[in-house]
Amino acid sequence: MNKNRQEKLAKAASTYRESLRKNLEHRLEAARAQGNDKLVRQIEAEANYLHMN
């Protein structure tokens, strides 16, 4: 695989992880605002599973 393709794949992976992190953060804020502790724990577990903590 050439270097340019590797760099593009690395950038895509980085962008994808950042999108996931932002999505989890948004969902967590919404769950906390609703006072939904069960959902907060589920989202925190999901973040932990995805190594986003």
Protein backbone atom coordinates (compact mmCIF):
# COMPACT_ATOMS: atom_id res chain seq x y z
CA MET A 1 0.00 0.00 0.00
CA ASN A 2 1.47 3.37 -0.89
CA LYS A 3 2.15 6.10 1.65
CA ASN A 4 -0.54 8.46 0.33
CA ARG A 5 -3.22 5.80 0.71
CA GLN A 6 -2.04 4.95 4.23
CA GLU A 7 -2.22 8.63 5.20
CA LYS A 8 -5.76 8.91 3.80
CA LEU A 9 -6.86 5.81 5.70
CA ALA A 10 -5.31 7.12 8.92
CA LYS A 11 -7.08 10.48 8.45
CA ALA A 12 -10.40 8.73 7.78
CA ALA A 13 -10.01 6.60 10.91
CA SER A 14 -9.16 9.67 12.98
CA THR A 15 -12.15 11.57 11.62
CA TYR A 16 -14.43 8.61 12.32
CA ARG A 17 -13.25 8.30 15.94
CA GLU A 18 -13.69 12.03 16.50
CA SER A 19 -17.23 11.81 15.13
CA LEU A 20 -17.99 8.89 17.47
CA ARG A 21 -16.54 10.81 20.43
CA LYS A 22 -18.65 13.89 19.70
CA ASN A 23 -21.77 11.77 19.26
CA LEU A 24 -21.20 10.00 22.59
CA GLU A 25 -20.55 13.32 24.31
CA HIS A 26 -23.76 14.80 22.93
CA ARG A 27 -25.82 11.77 23.94
CA LEU A 28 -24.28 11.80 27.42
CA GLU A 29 -25.09 15.50 27.90
CA ALA A 30 -28.68 14.91 26.78
CA ALA A 31 -29.12 11.92 29.09
CA ARG A 32 -27.73 13.92 32.04
CA ALA A 33 -30.00 16.86 31.22
CA GLN A 34 -32.98 14.50 31.30
CA GLY A 35 -31.82 13.04 34.60
CA ASN A 36 -31.77 9.57 33.04
CA ASP A 37 -29.12 7.83 35.16
CA LYS A 38 -29.68 4.44 33.54
CA LEU A 39 -29.02 5.87 30.09
CA VAL A 40 -25.97 7.76 31.39
CA ARG A 41 -24.52 4.47 32.66
CA GLN A 42 -25.27 2.75 29.34
CA ILE A 43 -23.58 5.49 27.33
CA GLU A 44 -20.59 5.50 29.69
CA ALA A 45 -20.33 1.71 29.26
CA GLU A 46 -20.49 2.15 25.48
CA ALA A 47 -17.72 4.77 25.61
CA ASN A 48 -15.62 2.44 27.75
CA TYR A 49 -16.19 -0.44 25.34
CA LEU A 50 -15.08 1.77 22.44
CA HIS A 51 -12.07 3.01 24.47
CA MET A 52 -13.36 6.58 24.23
CA ASN A 53 -12.95 7.49 27.88
